[in-house]
């Protein structure tokens, strides 16, 4: 199992709209496609900088091959939609992690 995390650095002025966009646009589209599971958005509390907020968007996916397939078919387009909505005001970086143990 792969955990795919994207951390976003968002100006305070865009934070509310970013959360709304993720909940109303991104999560429903990702869930509809079906490759990624258990999508969740979290606010990062340990890295607070004045004038901005940080968020972590996480999904589970079966394998790196399926993650690549999702990114080619949907992820790239969703990233472009986010750029149209927020221009270059939001910075993000992704991390791919292999789940070793679960409850």
C-alpha atoms as a PDB file:
ATOM      1  CA  UNK A   1       0.000   0.000   0.000  1.00  0.00           C
ATOM      2  CA  UNK A   2       1.274   3.470  -0.926  1.00  0.00           C
ATOM      3  CA  UNK A   3       0.409   6.632   0.987  1.00  0.00           C
ATOM      4  CA  UNK A   4       0.550   9.654  -1.317  1.00  0.00           C
ATOM      5  CA  UNK A   5       0.873  12.953   0.546  1.00  0.00           C
ATOM      6  CA  UNK A   6       0.972  16.447  -0.901  1.00  0.00           C
ATOM      7  CA  UNK A   7       1.852  19.296   1.439  1.00  0.00           C
ATOM      8  CA  UNK A   8       0.539  22.715   0.435  1.00  0.00           C
ATOM      9  CA  UNK A   9       1.730  26.125   1.648  1.00  0.00           C
ATOM     10  CA  UNK A  10      -1.242  28.514   1.273  1.00  0.00           C
ATOM     11  CA  UNK A  11      -1.474  32.257   1.988  1.00  0.00           C
ATOM     12  CA  UNK A  12      -4.026  33.098   4.705  1.00  0.00           C
ATOM     13  CA  UNK A  13      -6.033  35.046   2.121  1.00  0.00           C
ATOM     14  CA  UNK A  14      -6.540  31.840   0.070  1.00  0.00           C
ATOM     15  CA  UNK A  15      -6.783  29.243   2.865  1.00  0.00           C
ATOM     16  CA  UNK A  16     -10.581  29.189   3.168  1.00  0.00           C
ATOM     17  CA  UNK A  17     -11.090  29.001  -0.613  1.00  0.00           C
ATOM     18  CA  UNK A  18      -8.422  26.305  -0.892  1.00  0.00           C
ATOM     19  CA  UNK A  19     -10.207  24.111   1.668  1.00  0.00           C
ATOM     20  CA  UNK A  20     -13.523  24.656  -0.129  1.00  0.00           C
ATOM     21  CA  UNK A  21     -11.936  23.844  -3.509  1.00  0.00           C
ATOM     22  CA  UNK A  22     -10.384  20.628  -2.195  1.00  0.00           C
ATOM     23  CA  UNK A  23     -13.703  19.495  -0.665  1.00  0.00           C
ATOM     24  CA  UNK A  24     -15.959  20.523  -3.548  1.00  0.00           C
ATOM     25  CA  UNK A  25     -13.736  19.887  -6.570  1.00  0.00           C
ATOM     26  CA  UNK A  26     -10.687  17.764  -5.926  1.00  0.00           C
ATOM     27  CA  UNK A  27     -11.876  15.098  -3.466  1.00  0.00           C
ATOM     28  CA  UNK A  28     -15.110  14.288  -5.358  1.00  0.00           C
ATOM     29  CA  UNK A  29     -13.258  13.980  -8.678  1.00  0.00           C
ATOM     30  CA  UNK A  30     -10.521  11.795  -7.196  1.00  0.00           C
ATOM     31  CA  UNK A  31     -13.078   9.557  -5.478  1.00  0.00           C
ATOM     32  CA  UNK A  32     -15.139   9.287  -8.667  1.00  0.00           C
ATOM     33  CA  UNK A  33     -12.116   8.089 -10.634  1.00  0.00           C
ATOM     34  CA  UNK A  34     -11.641   5.333  -8.068  1.00  0.00           C
ATOM     35  CA  UNK A  35      -7.888   4.732  -8.178  1.00  0.00           C
ATOM     36  CA  UNK A  36      -7.128   6.610  -4.949  1.00  0.00           C
ATOM     37  CA  UNK A  37      -8.824   5.829  -1.622  1.00  0.00           C
ATOM     38  CA  UNK A  38      -9.317   7.384   1.807  1.00  0.00           C
ATOM     39  CA  UNK A  39      -8.679  10.981   0.767  1.00  0.00           C
ATOM     40  CA  UNK A  40      -8.284  13.395   3.642  1.00  0.00           C
ATOM     41  CA  UNK A  41      -7.191  16.978   4.103  1.00  0.00           C
ATOM     42  CA  UNK A  42      -5.413  17.987   7.315  1.00  0.00           C
ATOM     43  CA  UNK A  43      -4.163  21.302   8.620  1.00  0.00           C
ATOM     44  CA  UNK A  44      -0.500  21.110   9.630  1.00  0.00           C
ATOM     45  CA  UNK A  45      -0.081  22.659  13.058  1.00  0.00           C
ATOM     46  CA  UNK A  46       3.652  22.220  13.557  1.00  0.00           C
ATOM     47  CA  UNK A  47       4.778  24.501  10.710  1.00  0.00           C
ATOM     48  CA  UNK A  48       2.809  27.694  11.134  1.00  0.00           C
ATOM     49  CA  UNK A  49       4.321  30.749   9.478  1.00  0.00           C
ATOM     50  CA  UNK A  50       2.853  34.206   9.784  1.00  0.00           C
ATOM     51  CA  UNK A  51       0.539  34.985   6.882  1.00  0.00           C
ATOM     52  CA  UNK A  52       0.095  31.401   5.706  1.00  0.00           C
ATOM     53  CA  UNK A  53      -1.238  27.966   6.546  1.00  0.00           C
ATOM     54  CA  UNK A  54      -0.003  24.506   5.596  1.00  0.00           C
ATOM     55  CA  UNK A  55      -2.211  21.568   4.639  1.00  0.00           C
ATOM     56  CA  UNK A  56      -1.553  17.896   3.926  1.00  0.00           C
ATOM     57  CA  UNK A  57      -3.715  16.088   1.370  1.00  0.00           C
ATOM     58  CA  UNK A  58      -3.355  12.307   1.609  1.00  0.00           C
ATOM     59  CA  UNK A  59      -4.598   9.325  -0.359  1.00  0.00           C
ATOM     60  CA  UNK A  60      -3.967   5.610  -0.298  1.00  0.00           C
ATOM     61  CA  UNK A  61      -3.261   3.776  -3.539  1.00  0.00           C
ATOM     62  CA  UNK A  62      -2.527   0.119  -4.230  1.00  0.00           C
ATOM     63  CA  UNK A  63       0.869   0.542  -5.945  1.00  0.00           C
ATOM     64  CA  UNK A  64       3.269   3.024  -7.505  1.00  0.00           C
ATOM     65  CA  UNK A  65       2.110   1.829 -10.942  1.00  0.00           C
ATOM     66  CA  UNK A  66      -1.503   2.729 -10.093  1.00  0.00           C
ATOM     67  CA  UNK A  67      -0.371   6.067  -8.682  1.00  0.00           C
ATOM     68  CA  UNK A  68       1.464   6.814 -11.922  1.00  0.00           C
ATOM     69  CA  UNK A  69      -1.617   5.798 -13.936  1.00  0.00           C
ATOM     70  CA  UNK A  70      -3.815   8.092 -11.812  1.00  0.00           C
ATOM     71  CA  UNK A  71      -1.391  10.999 -12.170  1.00  0.00           C
ATOM     72  CA  UNK A  72      -1.273  10.674 -15.963  1.00  0.00           C
ATOM     73  CA  UNK A  73      -5.049  10.272 -16.313  1.00  0.00           C
ATOM     74  CA  UNK A  74      -6.284  12.675 -13.620  1.00  0.00           C
ATOM     75  CA  UNK A  75      -3.689  14.142 -11.262  1.00  0.00           C
ATOM     76  CA  UNK A  76      -1.979  16.309 -13.843  1.00  0.00           C
ATOM     77  CA  UNK A  77      -5.339  17.809 -14.941  1.00  0.00           C
ATOM     78  CA  UNK A  78      -6.394  18.512 -11.334  1.00  0.00           C
ATOM     79  CA  UNK A  79      -3.084  20.257 -10.706  1.00  0.00           C
ATOM     80  CA  UNK A  80      -3.706  22.448 -13.762  1.00  0.00           C
ATOM     81  CA  UNK A  81      -7.207  23.279 -12.469  1.00  0.00           C
ATOM     82  CA  UNK A  82      -5.718  24.288  -9.112  1.00  0.00           C
ATOM     83  CA  UNK A  83      -3.212  26.528 -10.895  1.00  0.00           C
ATOM     84  CA  UNK A  84      -6.065  28.210 -12.789  1.00  0.00           C
ATOM     85  CA  UNK A  85      -7.982  28.792  -9.561  1.00  0.00           C
ATOM     86  CA  UNK A  86      -5.076  29.963  -7.383  1.00  0.00           C
ATOM     87  CA  UNK A  87      -2.376  30.893  -9.913  1.00  0.00           C
ATOM     88  CA  UNK A  88       1.084  30.645  -8.334  1.00  0.00           C
ATOM     89  CA  UNK A  89       0.011  31.576  -4.804  1.00  0.00           C
ATOM     90  CA  UNK A  90      -0.011  27.981  -3.549  1.00  0.00           C
ATOM     91  CA  UNK A  91       3.154  25.910  -3.282  1.00  0.00           C
ATOM     92  CA  UNK A  92       3.091  22.159  -2.937  1.00  0.00           C
ATOM     93  CA  UNK A  93       5.346  19.148  -2.819  1.00  0.00           C
ATOM     94  CA  UNK A  94       4.443  15.480  -2.861  1.00  0.00           C
ATOM     95  CA  UNK A  95       5.805  12.523  -0.951  1.00  0.00           C
ATOM     96  CA  UNK A  96       5.206   8.862  -1.722  1.00  0.00           C
ATOM     97  CA  UNK A  97       5.450   6.506   1.266  1.00  0.00           C
ATOM     98  CA  UNK A  98       5.169   2.751   1.553  1.00  0.00           C
ATOM     99  CA  UNK A  99       2.933   1.583   4.398  1.00  0.00           C
ATOM    100  CA  UNK A 100       4.851  -1.016   6.413  1.00  0.00           C
ATOM    101  CA  UNK A 101       2.476  -1.678   9.307  1.00  0.00           C
ATOM    102  CA  UNK A 102      -1.199  -0.989   9.898  1.00  0.00           C
ATOM    103  CA  UNK A 103      -3.453  -1.340  12.933  1.00  0.00           C
END
